[in-house]
Amino acid sequence: MGTIKILFVLSVIGLIIYCCWQVVPPEMANYMFQDDLQDLAMTAASQPNRSTDDDLRNAVLRKAQSHDIELTDNQVTVQHISTPGLAAVYLAADYDVQVNLPGYSFNLHFTPTSGSKAF
């Protein structure tokens, strides 16, 4: 009876490790991609009138590709926010990553933005 319990516990631990192996990489890629969006937005805001929406959209697509994230043009939002004395750029993306586990598949939905989240 003890051997069966040990095998069961080891198989459950192995399944948990495998699930983490499938879920953690997309989460980490999204985290790094969001950091890149914030860097792009700050750089673009510090150099007003140098970057068009298409330039920024292409930069976002290149950053996404560097993290193995598949995006299309219509999944990227670029907004220039101009007020007297202040220029800002808002970048956002909206995408899903499919995770395939043994016997179960699901989508992780991500919406990284260049804005900061309030607590």
PDB file of N, CA and C in Angstrom:
ATOM      1  N   MET A   1       0.811  -1.194   0.000  1.00  0.00           N
ATOM      2  CA  MET A   1       0.000   0.000   0.000  1.00  0.00           C
ATOM      3  C   MET A   1       0.860   1.265   0.000  1.00  0.00           C
ATOM      4  N   GLY A   2       2.012   1.239   0.662  1.00  0.00           N
ATOM      5  CA  GLY A   2       2.899   2.390   0.720  1.00  0.00           C
ATOM      6  C   GLY A   2       3.484   2.728  -0.638  1.00  0.00           C
ATOM      7  N   THR A   3       3.778   1.705  -1.449  1.00  0.00           N
ATOM      8  CA  THR A   3       4.342   1.928  -2.784  1.00  0.00           C
ATOM      9  C   THR A   3       3.332   2.627  -3.685  1.00  0.00           C
ATOM     10  N   ILE A   4       2.075   2.270  -3.573  1.00  0.00           N
ATOM     11  CA  ILE A   4       1.042   2.894  -4.391  1.00  0.00           C
ATOM     12  C   ILE A   4       0.893   4.372  -4.014  1.00  0.00           C
ATOM     13  N   LYS A   5       0.936   4.675  -2.738  1.00  0.00           N
ATOM     14  CA  LYS A   5       0.840   6.069  -2.296  1.00  0.00           C
ATOM     15  C   LYS A   5       2.008   6.887  -2.819  1.00  0.00           C
ATOM     16  N   ILE A   6       3.201   6.318  -2.758  1.00  0.00           N
ATOM     17  CA  ILE A   6       4.393   7.023  -3.242  1.00  0.00           C
ATOM     18  C   ILE A   6       4.282   7.269  -4.746  1.00  0.00           C
ATOM     19  N   LEU A   7       3.853   6.273  -5.505  1.00  0.00           N
ATOM     20  CA  LEU A   7       3.688   6.442  -6.949  1.00  0.00           C
ATOM     21  C   LEU A   7       2.619   7.480  -7.264  1.00  0.00           C
ATOM     22  N   PHE A   8       1.530   7.464  -6.499  1.00  0.00           N
ATOM     23  CA  PHE A   8       0.467   8.446  -6.711  1.00  0.00           C
ATOM     24  C   PHE A   8       0.969   9.866  -6.424  1.00  0.00           C
ATOM     25  N   VAL A   9       1.662  10.037  -5.319  1.00  0.00           N
ATOM     26  CA  VAL A   9       2.187  11.361  -4.956  1.00  0.00           C
ATOM     27  C   VAL A   9       3.195  11.840  -5.997  1.00  0.00           C
ATOM     28  N   LEU A  10       4.076  10.953  -6.449  1.00  0.00           N
ATOM     29  CA  LEU A  10       5.055  11.333  -7.474  1.00  0.00           C
ATOM     30  C   LEU A  10       4.384  11.698  -8.790  1.00  0.00           C
ATOM     31  N   SER A  11       3.342  10.987  -9.153  1.00  0.00           N
ATOM     32  CA  SER A  11       2.640  11.309 -10.405  1.00  0.00           C
ATOM     33  C   SER A  11       1.907  12.646 -10.283  1.00  0.00           C
ATOM     34  N   VAL A  12       1.333  12.949  -9.121  1.00  0.00           N
ATOM     35  CA  VAL A  12       0.675  14.235  -8.919  1.00  0.00           C
ATOM     36  C   VAL A  12       1.708  15.359  -8.957  1.00  0.00           C
ATOM     37  N   ILE A  13       2.845  15.171  -8.324  1.00  0.00           N
ATOM     38  CA  ILE A  13       3.911  16.176  -8.361  1.00  0.00           C
ATOM     39  C   ILE A  13       4.405  16.376  -9.794  1.00  0.00           C
ATOM     40  N   GLY A  14       4.563  15.297 -10.531  1.00  0.00           N
ATOM     41  CA  GLY A  14       4.981  15.398 -11.929  1.00  0.00           C
ATOM     42  C   GLY A  14       3.959  16.141 -12.774  1.00  0.00           C
ATOM     43  N   LEU A  15       2.672  15.897 -12.539  1.00  0.00           N
ATOM     44  CA  LEU A  15       1.619  16.593 -13.272  1.00  0.00           C
ATOM     45  C   LEU A  15       1.620  18.085 -12.950  1.00  0.00           C
ATOM     46  N   ILE A  16       1.824  18.429 -11.702  1.00  0.00           N
ATOM     47  CA  ILE A  16       1.884  19.847 -11.305  1.00  0.00           C
ATOM     48  C   ILE A  16       3.074  20.537 -11.962  1.00  0.00           C
ATOM     49  N   ILE A  17       4.213  19.878 -11.980  1.00  0.00           N
ATOM     50  CA  ILE A  17       5.403  20.449 -12.622  1.00  0.00           C
ATOM     51  C   ILE A  17       5.168  20.632 -14.116  1.00  0.00           C
ATOM     52  N   TYR A  18       4.548  19.651 -14.757  1.00  0.00           N
ATOM     53  CA  TYR A  18       4.261  19.756 -16.191  1.00  0.00           C
ATOM     54  C   TYR A  18       3.303  20.917 -16.471  1.00  0.00           C
ATOM     55  N   CYS A  19       2.257  21.071 -15.647  1.00  0.00           N
ATOM     56  CA  CYS A  19       1.310  22.171 -15.835  1.00  0.00           C
ATOM     57  C   CYS A  19       2.010  23.521 -15.678  1.00  0.00           C
ATOM     58  N   CYS A  20       2.858  23.630 -14.673  1.00  0.00           N
ATOM     59  CA  CYS A  20       3.623  24.866 -14.495  1.00  0.00           C
ATOM     60  C   CYS A  20       4.543  25.123 -15.681  1.00  0.00           C
ATOM     61  N   TRP A  21       5.115  24.065 -16.220  1.00  0.00           N
ATOM     62  CA  TRP A  21       6.007  24.169 -17.372  1.00  0.00           C
ATOM     63  C   TRP A  21       5.274  24.730 -18.583  1.00  0.00           C
ATOM     64  N   GLN A  22       3.966  24.477 -18.672  1.00  0.00           N
ATOM     65  CA  GLN A  22       3.171  24.963 -19.792  1.00  0.00           C
ATOM     66  C   GLN A  22       2.607  26.375 -19.555  1.00  0.00           C
ATOM     67  N   VAL A  23       2.339  26.734 -18.311  1.00  0.00           N
ATOM     68  CA  VAL A  23       1.671  27.997 -18.005  1.00  0.00           C
ATOM     69  C   VAL A  23       2.655  29.129 -17.714  1.00  0.00           C
ATOM     70  N   VAL A  24       3.743  28.853 -17.059  1.00  0.00           N
ATOM     71  CA  VAL A  24       4.666  29.910 -16.630  1.00  0.00           C
ATOM     72  C   VAL A  24       5.336  30.641 -17.804  1.00  0.00           C
ATOM     73  N   PRO A  25       5.804  29.972 -18.867  1.00  0.00           N
ATOM     74  CA  PRO A  25       6.452  30.736 -19.953  1.00  0.00           C
ATOM     75  C   PRO A  25       5.572  31.813 -20.599  1.00  0.00           C
ATOM     76  N   PRO A  26       4.286  31.545 -20.910  1.00  0.00           N
ATOM     77  CA  PRO A  26       3.475  32.655 -21.442  1.00  0.00           C
ATOM     78  C   PRO A  26       3.284  33.795 -20.440  1.00  0.00           C
ATOM     79  N   GLU A  27       3.166  33.461 -19.168  1.00  0.00           N
ATOM     80  CA  GLU A  27       3.029  34.502 -18.145  1.00  0.00           C
ATOM     81  C   GLU A  27       4.288  35.366 -18.078  1.00  0.00           C
ATOM     82  N   MET A  28       5.443  34.741 -18.117  1.00  0.00           N
ATOM     83  CA  MET A  28       6.705  35.486 -18.072  1.00  0.00           C
ATOM     84  C   MET A  28       6.892  36.326 -19.333  1.00  0.00           C
ATOM     85  N   ALA A  29       6.535  35.768 -20.499  1.00  0.00           N
ATOM     86  CA  ALA A  29       6.647  36.521 -21.750  1.00  0.00           C
ATOM     87  C   ALA A  29       5.752  37.755 -21.702  1.00  0.00           C
ATOM     88  N   ASN A  30       4.549  37.610 -21.161  1.00  0.00           N
ATOM     89  CA  ASN A  30       3.644  38.749 -21.031  1.00  0.00           C
ATOM     90  C   ASN A  30       4.225  39.800 -20.090  1.00  0.00           C
ATOM     91  N   TYR A  31       4.811  39.368 -18.999  1.00  0.00           N
ATOM     92  CA  TYR A  31       5.414  40.295 -18.036  1.00  0.00           C
ATOM     93  C   TYR A  31       6.543  41.097 -18.690  1.00  0.00           C
ATOM     94  N   MET A  32       7.406  40.431 -19.425  1.00  0.00           N
ATOM     95  CA  MET A  32       8.517  41.120 -20.099  1.00  0.00           C
ATOM     96  C   MET A  32       8.006  42.008 -21.223  1.00  0.00           C
ATOM     97  N   PHE A  33       6.965  41.564 -21.928  1.00  0.00           N
ATOM     98  CA  PHE A  33       6.381  42.350 -23.002  1.00  0.00           C
ATOM     99  C   PHE A  33       5.756  43.635 -22.451  1.00  0.00           C
ATOM    100  N   GLN A  34       5.087  43.550 -21.315  1.00  0.00           N
ATOM    101  CA  GLN A  34       4.504  44.736 -20.705  1.00  0.00           C
ATOM    102  C   GLN A  34       5.600  45.719 -20.317  1.00  0.00           C
ATOM    103  N   ASP A  35       6.712  45.229 -19.816  1.00  0.00           N
ATOM    104  CA  ASP A  35       7.839  46.094 -19.486  1.00  0.00           C
ATOM    105  C   ASP A  35       8.364  46.787 -20.744  1.00  0.00           C
ATOM    106  N   ASP A  36       8.432  46.055 -21.850  1.00  0.00           N
ATOM    107  CA  ASP A  36       8.867  46.651 -23.115  1.00  0.00           C
ATOM    108  C   ASP A  36       7.882  47.721 -23.587  1.00  0.00           C
ATOM    109  N   LEU A  37       6.581  47.489 -23.406  1.00  0.00           N
ATOM    110  CA  LEU A  37       5.588  48.493 -23.794  1.00  0.00           C
ATOM    111  C   LEU A  37       5.776  49.777 -22.993  1.00  0.00           C
ATOM    112  N   GLN A  38       6.057  49.649 -21.710  1.00  0.00           N
ATOM    113  CA  GLN A  38       6.280  50.840 -20.888  1.00  0.00           C
ATOM    114  C   GLN A  38       7.527  51.594 -21.348  1.00  0.00           C
ATOM    115  N   ASP A  39       8.587  50.859 -21.681  1.00  0.00           N
ATOM    116  CA  ASP A  39       9.807  51.503 -22.175  1.00  0.00           C
ATOM    117  C   ASP A  39       9.561  52.209 -23.507  1.00  0.00           C
ATOM    118  N   LEU A  40       8.846  51.553 -24.422  1.00  0.00           N
ATOM    119  CA  LEU A  40       8.538  52.163 -25.723  1.00  0.00           C
ATOM    120  C   LEU A  40       7.704  53.432 -25.546  1.00  0.00           C
ATOM    121  N   ALA A  41       6.721  53.373 -24.668  1.00  0.00           N
ATOM    122  CA  ALA A  41       5.845  54.528 -24.463  1.00  0.00           C
ATOM    123  C   ALA A  41       6.619  55.700 -23.861  1.00  0.00           C
ATOM    124  N   MET A  42       7.486  55.426 -22.896  1.00  0.00           N
ATOM    125  CA  MET A  42       8.274  56.513 -22.294  1.00  0.00           C
ATOM    126  C   MET A  42       9.231  57.119 -23.309  1.00  0.00           C
ATOM    127  N   THR A  43       9.847  56.277 -24.125  1.00  0.00           N
ATOM    128  CA  THR A  43      10.760  56.774 -25.149  1.00  0.00           C
ATOM    129  C   THR A  43      10.018  57.612 -26.178  1.00  0.00           C
ATOM    130  N   ALA A  44       8.866  57.139 -26.619  1.00  0.00           N
ATOM    131  CA  ALA A  44       8.082  57.875 -27.615  1.00  0.00           C
ATOM    132  C   ALA A  44       7.553  59.186 -27.047  1.00  0.00           C
ATOM    133  N   ALA A  45       7.175  59.194 -25.775  1.00  0.00           N
ATOM    134  CA  ALA A  45       6.659  60.419 -25.165  1.00  0.00           C
ATOM    135  C   ALA A  45       7.756  61.455 -24.977  1.00  0.00           C
ATOM    136  N   SER A  46       8.981  60.992 -24.762  1.00  0.00           N
ATOM    137  CA  SER A  46      10.084  61.944 -24.574  1.00  0.00           C
ATOM    138  C   SER A  46      10.562  62.550 -25.883  1.00  0.00           C
ATOM    139  N   GLN A  47      10.132  61.964 -26.994  1.00  0.00           N
ATOM    140  CA  GLN A  47      10.497  62.470 -28.316  1.00  0.00           C
ATOM    141  C   GLN A  47       9.232  62.715 -29.127  1.00  0.00           C
ATOM    142  N   PRO A  48       8.439  63.722 -28.756  1.00  0.00           N
ATOM    143  CA  PRO A  48       7.183  63.952 -29.467  1.00  0.00           C
ATOM    144  C   PRO A  48       7.408  64.302 -30.931  1.00  0.00           C
ATOM    145  N   ASN A  49       6.463  63.945 -31.750  1.00  0.00           N
ATOM    146  CA  ASN A  49       6.466  64.207 -33.194  1.00  0.00           C
ATOM    147  C   ASN A  49       7.560  63.461 -33.943  1.00  0.00           C
ATOM    148  N   ARG A  50       8.217  62.502 -33.326  1.00  0.00           N
ATOM    149  CA  ARG A  50       9.229  61.708 -34.021  1.00  0.00           C
ATOM    150  C   ARG A  50       8.691  60.356 -34.439  1.00  0.00           C
ATOM    151  N   SER A  51       7.692  59.856 -33.733  1.00  0.00           N
ATOM    152  CA  SER A  51       7.159  58.527 -34.017  1.00  0.00           C
ATOM    153  C   SER A  51       5.697  58.626 -34.419  1.00  0.00           C
ATOM    154  N   THR A  52       5.381  58.030 -35.548  1.00  0.00           N
ATOM    155  CA  THR A  52       3.989  57.972 -35.975  1.00  0.00           C
ATOM    156  C   THR A  52       3.331  56.752 -35.325  1.00  0.00           C
ATOM    157  N   ASP A  53       2.023  56.674 -35.449  1.00  0.00           N
ATOM    158  CA  ASP A  53       1.309  55.521 -34.910  1.00  0.00           C
ATOM    159  C   ASP A  53       1.798  54.230 -35.548  1.00  0.00           C
ATOM    160  N   ASP A  54       2.045  54.274 -36.859  1.00  0.00           N
ATOM    161  CA  ASP A  54       2.521  53.068 -37.543  1.00  0.00           C
ATOM    162  C   ASP A  54       3.908  52.655 -37.069  1.00  0.00           C
ATOM    163  N   ASP A  55       4.774  53.635 -36.822  1.00  0.00           N
ATOM    164  CA  ASP A  55       6.110  53.313 -36.303  1.00  0.00           C
ATOM    165  C   ASP A  55       6.019  52.638 -34.945  1.00  0.00           C
ATOM    166  N   LEU A  56       5.178  53.189 -34.080  1.00  0.00           N
ATOM    167  CA  LEU A  56       5.017  52.605 -32.748  1.00  0.00           C
ATOM    168  C   LEU A  56       4.364  51.228 -32.817  1.00  0.00           C
ATOM    169  N   ARG A  57       3.366  51.087 -33.669  1.00  0.00           N
ATOM    170  CA  ARG A  57       2.700  49.789 -33.831  1.00  0.00           C
ATOM    171  C   ARG A  57       3.702  48.735 -34.312  1.00  0.00           C
ATOM    172  N   ASN A  58       4.533  49.097 -35.272  1.00  0.00           N
ATOM    173  CA  ASN A  58       5.554  48.161 -35.764  1.00  0.00           C
ATOM    174  C   ASN A  58       6.579  47.832 -34.683  1.00  0.00           C
ATOM    175  N   ALA A  59       6.930  48.805 -33.857  1.00  0.00           N
ATOM    176  CA  ALA A  59       7.867  48.544 -32.756  1.00  0.00           C
ATOM    177  C   ALA A  59       7.247  47.577 -31.751  1.00  0.00           C
ATOM    178  N   VAL A  60       5.952  47.750 -31.465  1.00  0.00           N
ATOM    179  CA  VAL A  60       5.255  46.837 -30.552  1.00  0.00           C
ATOM    180  C   VAL A  60       5.221  45.432 -31.145  1.00  0.00           C
ATOM    181  N   LEU A  61       4.942  45.327 -32.425  1.00  0.00           N
ATOM    182  CA  LEU A  61       4.902  44.008 -33.079  1.00  0.00           C
ATOM    183  C   LEU A  61       6.272  43.336 -33.050  1.00  0.00           C
ATOM    184  N   ARG A  62       7.342  44.118 -33.228  1.00  0.00           N
ATOM    185  CA  ARG A  62       8.692  43.537 -33.159  1.00  0.00           C
ATOM    186  C   ARG A  62       9.011  43.054 -31.747  1.00  0.00           C
ATOM    187  N   LYS A  63       8.634  43.851 -30.740  1.00  0.00           N
ATOM    188  CA  LYS A  63       8.860  43.433 -29.350  1.00  0.00           C
ATOM    189  C   LYS A  63       8.072  42.161 -29.033  1.00  0.00           C
ATOM    190  N   ALA A  64       6.850  42.095 -29.511  1.00  0.00           N
ATOM    191  CA  ALA A  64       6.033  40.894 -29.278  1.00  0.00           C
ATOM    192  C   ALA A  64       6.668  39.686 -29.934  1.00  0.00           C
ATOM    193  N   GLN A  65       7.148  39.865 -31.150  1.00  0.00           N
ATOM    194  CA  GLN A  65       7.786  38.759 -31.861  1.00  0.00           C
ATOM    195  C   GLN A  65       9.049  38.301 -31.135  1.00  0.00           C
ATOM    196  N   SER A  66       9.773  39.213 -30.518  1.00  0.00           N
ATOM    197  CA  SER A  66      10.985  38.830 -29.797  1.00  0.00           C
ATOM    198  C   SER A  66      10.670  37.988 -28.562  1.00  0.00           C
ATOM    199  N   HIS A  67       9.418  38.063 -28.079  1.00  0.00           N
ATOM    200  CA  HIS A  67       8.987  37.251 -26.937  1.00  0.00           C
ATOM    201  C   HIS A  67       8.121  36.067 -27.376  1.00  0.00           C
ATOM    202  N   ASP A  68       8.119  35.766 -28.668  1.00  0.00           N
ATOM    203  CA  ASP A  68       7.313  34.673 -29.242  1.00  0.00           C
ATOM    204  C   ASP A  68       5.825  34.866 -28.988  1.00  0.00           C
ATOM    205  N   ILE A  69       5.371  36.108 -29.065  1.00  0.00           N
ATOM    206  CA  ILE A  69       3.952  36.439 -28.928  1.00  0.00           C
ATOM    207  C   ILE A  69       3.450  36.796 -30.319  1.00  0.00           C
ATOM    208  N   GLU A  70       2.384  36.129 -30.736  1.00  0.00           N
ATOM    209  CA  GLU A  70       1.829  36.373 -32.065  1.00  0.00           C
ATOM    210  C   GLU A  70       0.758  37.459 -31.975  1.00  0.00           C
ATOM    211  N   LEU A  71       1.029  38.586 -32.630  1.00  0.00           N
ATOM    212  CA  LEU A  71       0.098  39.714 -32.666  1.00  0.00           C
ATOM    213  C   LEU A  71      -0.124  40.153 -34.100  1.00  0.00           C
ATOM    214  N   THR A  72      -1.287  40.740 -34.343  1.00  0.00           N
ATOM    215  CA  THR A  72      -1.561  41.371 -35.627  1.00  0.00           C
ATOM    216  C   THR A  72      -1.733  42.873 -35.382  1.00  0.00           C
ATOM    217  N   ASP A  73      -1.779  43.636 -36.460  1.00  0.00           N
ATOM    218  CA  ASP A  73      -1.908  45.089 -36.350  1.00  0.00           C
ATOM    219  C   ASP A  73      -3.133  45.512 -35.552  1.00  0.00           C
ATOM    220  N   ASN A  74      -4.262  44.829 -35.768  1.00  0.00           N
ATOM    221  CA  ASN A  74      -5.494  45.256 -35.108  1.00  0.00           C
ATOM    222  C   ASN A  74      -5.566  44.837 -33.635  1.00  0.00           C
ATOM    223  N   GLN A  75      -4.587  44.125 -33.135  1.00  0.00           N
ATOM    224  CA  GLN A  75      -4.533  43.761 -31.722  1.00  0.00           C
ATOM    225  C   GLN A  75      -3.710  44.761 -30.908  1.00  0.00           C
ATOM    226  N   VAL A  76      -3.163  45.777 -31.580  1.00  0.00           N
ATOM    227  CA  VAL A  76      -2.310  46.771 -30.917  1.00  0.00           C
ATOM    228  C   VAL A  76      -3.017  48.122 -30.938  1.00  0.00           C
ATOM    229  N   THR A  77      -3.041  48.776 -29.786  1.00  0.00           N
ATOM    230  CA  THR A  77      -3.637  50.104 -29.657  1.00  0.00           C
ATOM    231  C   THR A  77      -2.533  51.117 -29.380  1.00  0.00           C
ATOM    232  N   VAL A  78      -2.551  52.199 -30.164  1.00  0.00           N
ATOM    233  CA  VAL A  78      -1.586  53.291 -29.980  1.00  0.00           C
ATOM    234  C   VAL A  78      -2.379  54.582 -29.846  1.00  0.00           C
ATOM    235  N   GLN A  79      -2.131  55.317 -28.763  1.00  0.00           N
ATOM    236  CA  GLN A  79      -2.796  56.601 -28.562  1.00  0.00           C
ATOM    237  C   GLN A  79      -1.768  57.637 -28.133  1.00  0.00           C
ATOM    238  N   HIS A  80      -1.845  58.801 -28.762  1.00  0.00           N
ATOM    239  CA  HIS A  80      -1.023  59.944 -28.351  1.00  0.00           C
ATOM    240  C   HIS A  80      -1.915  60.844 -27.501  1.00  0.00           C
ATOM    241  N   ILE A  81      -1.466  61.149 -26.318  1.00  0.00           N
ATOM    242  CA  ILE A  81      -2.225  61.985 -25.404  1.00  0.00           C
ATOM    243  C   ILE A  81      -1.443  63.282 -25.234  1.00  0.00           C
ATOM    244  N   SER A  82      -2.025  64.369 -25.710  1.00  0.00           N
ATOM    245  CA  SER A  82      -1.324  65.653 -25.645  1.00  0.00           C
ATOM    246  C   SER A  82      -2.145  66.657 -24.859  1.00  0.00           C
ATOM    247  N   THR A  83      -1.536  67.202 -23.862  1.00  0.00           N
ATOM    248  CA  THR A  83      -2.102  68.314 -23.108  1.00  0.00           C
ATOM    249  C   THR A  83      -1.025  69.381 -23.060  1.00  0.00           C
ATOM    250  N   PRO A  84      -1.393  70.616 -22.818  1.00  0.00           N
ATOM    251  CA  PRO A  84      -0.363  71.664 -22.766  1.00  0.00           C
ATOM    252  C   PRO A  84       0.717  71.337 -21.732  1.00  0.00           C
ATOM    253  N   GLY A  85       1.923  71.252 -22.193  1.00  0.00           N
ATOM    254  CA  GLY A  85       3.051  70.992 -21.314  1.00  0.00           C
ATOM    255  C   GLY A  85       3.306  69.526 -21.015  1.00  0.00           C
ATOM    256  N   LEU A  86       2.467  68.644 -21.558  1.00  0.00           N
ATOM    257  CA  LEU A  86       2.628  67.221 -21.265  1.00  0.00           C
ATOM    258  C   LEU A  86       2.262  66.400 -22.498  1.00  0.00           C
ATOM    259  N   ALA A  87       3.143  65.516 -22.874  1.00  0.00           N
ATOM    260  CA  ALA A  87       2.862  64.600 -23.973  1.00  0.00           C
ATOM    261  C   ALA A  87       3.045  63.184 -23.451  1.00  0.00           C
ATOM    262  N   ALA A  88       2.133  62.319 -23.806  1.00  0.00           N
ATOM    263  CA  ALA A  88       2.216  60.934 -23.361  1.00  0.00           C
ATOM    264  C   ALA A  88       1.783  60.025 -24.501  1.00  0.00           C
ATOM    265  N   VAL A  89       2.257  58.789 -24.440  1.00  0.00           N
ATOM    266  CA  VAL A  89       1.888  57.782 -25.421  1.00  0.00           C
ATOM    267  C   VAL A  89       1.368  56.575 -24.647  1.00  0.00           C
ATOM    268  N   TYR A  90       0.229  56.063 -25.088  1.00  0.00           N
ATOM    269  CA  TYR A  90      -0.378  54.891 -24.472  1.00  0.00           C
ATOM    270  C   TYR A  90      -0.325  53.752 -25.482  1.00  0.00           C
ATOM    271  N   LEU A  91       0.248  52.628 -25.070  1.00  0.00           N
ATOM    272  CA  LEU A  91       0.338  51.442 -25.913  1.00  0.00           C
ATOM    273  C   LEU A  91      -0.359  50.285 -25.205  1.00  0.00           C
ATOM    274  N   ALA A  92      -1.071  49.483 -25.983  1.00  0.00           N
ATOM    275  CA  ALA A  92      -1.750  48.324 -25.404  1.00  0.00           C
ATOM    276  C   ALA A  92      -1.833  47.225 -26.446  1.00  0.00           C
ATOM    277  N   ALA A  93      -1.950  46.006 -25.959  1.00  0.00           N
ATOM    278  CA  ALA A  93      -2.126  44.843 -26.834  1.00  0.00           C
ATOM    279  C   ALA A  93      -3.181  43.942 -26.200  1.00  0.00           C
ATOM    280  N   ASP A  94      -3.789  43.125 -27.011  1.00  0.00           N
ATOM    281  CA  ASP A  94      -4.831  42.213 -26.546  1.00  0.00           C
ATOM    282  C   ASP A  94      -4.657  40.900 -27.295  1.00  0.00           C
ATOM    283  N   TYR A  95      -4.294  39.841 -26.566  1.00  0.00           N
ATOM    284  CA  TYR A  95      -4.040  38.576 -27.237  1.00  0.00           C
ATOM    285  C   TYR A  95      -4.297  37.390 -26.311  1.00  0.00           C
ATOM    286  N   ASP A  96      -4.405  36.221 -26.918  1.00  0.00           N
ATOM    287  CA  ASP A  96      -4.613  34.960 -26.203  1.00  0.00           C
ATOM    288  C   ASP A  96      -3.482  34.005 -26.529  1.00  0.00           C
ATOM    289  N   VAL A  97      -3.160  33.159 -25.560  1.00  0.00           N
ATOM    290  CA  VAL A  97      -2.183  32.087 -25.764  1.00  0.00           C
ATOM    291  C   VAL A  97      -2.867  30.784 -25.363  1.00  0.00           C
ATOM    292  N   GLN A  98      -2.852  29.820 -26.262  1.00  0.00           N
ATOM    293  CA  GLN A  98      -3.470  28.540 -25.956  1.00  0.00           C
ATOM    294  C   GLN A  98      -2.484  27.650 -25.196  1.00  0.00           C
ATOM    295  N   VAL A  99      -2.967  27.062 -24.114  1.00  0.00           N
ATOM    296  CA  VAL A  99      -2.173  26.149 -23.299  1.00  0.00           C
ATOM    297  C   VAL A  99      -2.786  24.762 -23.440  1.00  0.00           C
ATOM    298  N   ASN A 100      -1.974  23.806 -23.830  1.00  0.00           N
ATOM    299  CA  ASN A 100      -2.433  22.431 -24.016  1.00  0.00           C
ATOM    300  C   ASN A 100      -1.880  21.551 -22.909  1.00  0.00           C
ATOM    301  N   LEU A 101      -2.782  21.039 -22.106  1.00  0.00           N
ATOM    302  CA  LEU A 101      -2.426  20.102 -21.048  1.00  0.00           C
ATOM    303  C   LEU A 101      -2.985  18.735 -21.430  1.00  0.00           C
ATOM    304  N   PRO A 102      -2.513  17.692 -20.807  1.00  0.00           N
ATOM    305  CA  PRO A 102      -3.058  16.361 -21.128  1.00  0.00           C
ATOM    306  C   PRO A 102      -4.562  16.301 -20.835  1.00  0.00           C
ATOM    307  N   GLY A 103      -5.347  16.154 -21.870  1.00  0.00           N
ATOM    308  CA  GLY A 103      -6.786  16.036 -21.716  1.00  0.00           C
ATOM    309  C   GLY A 103      -7.524  17.344 -21.540  1.00  0.00           C
ATOM    310  N   TYR A 104      -6.841  18.479 -21.569  1.00  0.00           N
ATOM    311  CA  TYR A 104      -7.499  19.758 -21.343  1.00  0.00           C
ATOM    312  C   TYR A 104      -6.704  20.878 -22.003  1.00  0.00           C
ATOM    313  N   SER A 105      -7.398  21.741 -22.719  1.00  0.00           N
ATOM    314  CA  SER A 105      -6.777  22.916 -23.331  1.00  0.00           C
ATOM    315  C   SER A 105      -7.563  24.154 -22.909  1.00  0.00           C
ATOM    316  N   PHE A 106      -6.854  25.264 -22.749  1.00  0.00           N
ATOM    317  CA  PHE A 106      -7.513  26.516 -22.400  1.00  0.00           C
ATOM    318  C   PHE A 106      -6.675  27.674 -22.912  1.00  0.00           C
ATOM    319  N   ASN A 107      -7.301  28.854 -22.958  1.00  0.00           N
ATOM    320  CA  ASN A 107      -6.632  30.062 -23.416  1.00  0.00           C
ATOM    321  C   ASN A 107      -6.327  30.969 -22.233  1.00  0.00           C
ATOM    322  N   LEU A 108      -5.132  31.506 -22.238  1.00  0.00           N
ATOM    323  CA  LEU A 108      -4.759  32.561 -21.300  1.00  0.00           C
ATOM    324  C   LEU A 108      -4.942  33.882 -22.032  1.00  0.00           C
ATOM    325  N   HIS A 109      -5.705  34.800 -21.475  1.00  0.00           N
ATOM    326  CA  HIS A 109      -5.972  36.080 -22.111  1.00  0.00           C
ATOM    327  C   HIS A 109      -5.096  37.152 -21.464  1.00  0.00           C
ATOM    328  N   PHE A 110      -4.380  37.911 -22.288  1.00  0.00           N
ATOM    329  CA  PHE A 110      -3.479  38.946 -21.798  1.00  0.00           C
ATOM    330  C   PHE A 110      -3.848  40.292 -22.409  1.00  0.00           C
ATOM    331  N   THR A 111      -3.753  41.341 -21.613  1.00  0.00           N
ATOM    332  CA  THR A 111      -3.962  42.713 -22.091  1.00  0.00           C
ATOM    333  C   THR A 111      -2.886  43.621 -21.505  1.00  0.00           C
ATOM    334  N   PRO A 112      -1.637  43.459 -21.936  1.00  0.00           N
ATOM    335  CA  PRO A 112      -0.576  44.324 -21.413  1.00  0.00           C
ATOM    336  C   PRO A 112      -0.741  45.759 -21.935  1.00  0.00           C
ATOM    337  N   THR A 113      -0.408  46.718 -21.073  1.00  0.00           N
ATOM    338  CA  THR A 113      -0.498  48.130 -21.447  1.00  0.00           C
ATOM    339  C   THR A 113       0.763  48.856 -20.974  1.00  0.00           C
ATOM    340  N   SER A 114       0.942  50.048 -21.490  1.00  0.00           N
ATOM    341  CA  SER A 114       2.074  50.856 -21.052  1.00  0.00           C
ATOM    342  C   SER A 114       1.723  51.680 -19.824  1.00  0.00           C
ATOM    343  N   GLY A 115       0.452  51.712 -19.450  1.00  0.00           N
ATOM    344  CA  GLY A 115       0.036  52.473 -18.284  1.00  0.00           C
ATOM    345  C   GLY A 115       0.310  51.726 -17.007  1.00  0.00           C
ATOM    346  N   SER A 116       0.380  52.463 -15.916  1.00  0.00           N
ATOM    347  CA  SER A 116       0.598  51.816 -14.633  1.00  0.00           C
ATOM    348  C   SER A 116      -0.744  51.465 -14.020  1.00  0.00           C
ATOM    349  N   LYS A 117      -0.773  50.395 -13.260  1.00  0.00           N
ATOM    350  CA  LYS A 117      -2.006  49.957 -12.626  1.00  0.00           C
ATOM    351  C   LYS A 117      -2.052  50.502 -11.208  1.00  0.00           C
ATOM    352  N   ALA A 118      -3.173  51.090 -10.861  1.00  0.00           N
ATOM    353  CA  ALA A 118      -3.350  51.627  -9.517  1.00  0.00           C
ATOM    354  C   ALA A 118      -3.742  50.506  -8.560  1.00  0.00           C
ATOM    355  N   PHE A 119      -3.290  50.615  -7.344  1.00  0.00           N
ATOM    356  CA  PHE A 119      -3.618  49.611  -6.339  1.00  0.00           C
ATOM    357  C   PHE A 119      -4.849  50.013  -5.574  1.00  0.00           C
TER     358      PHE A 119
END
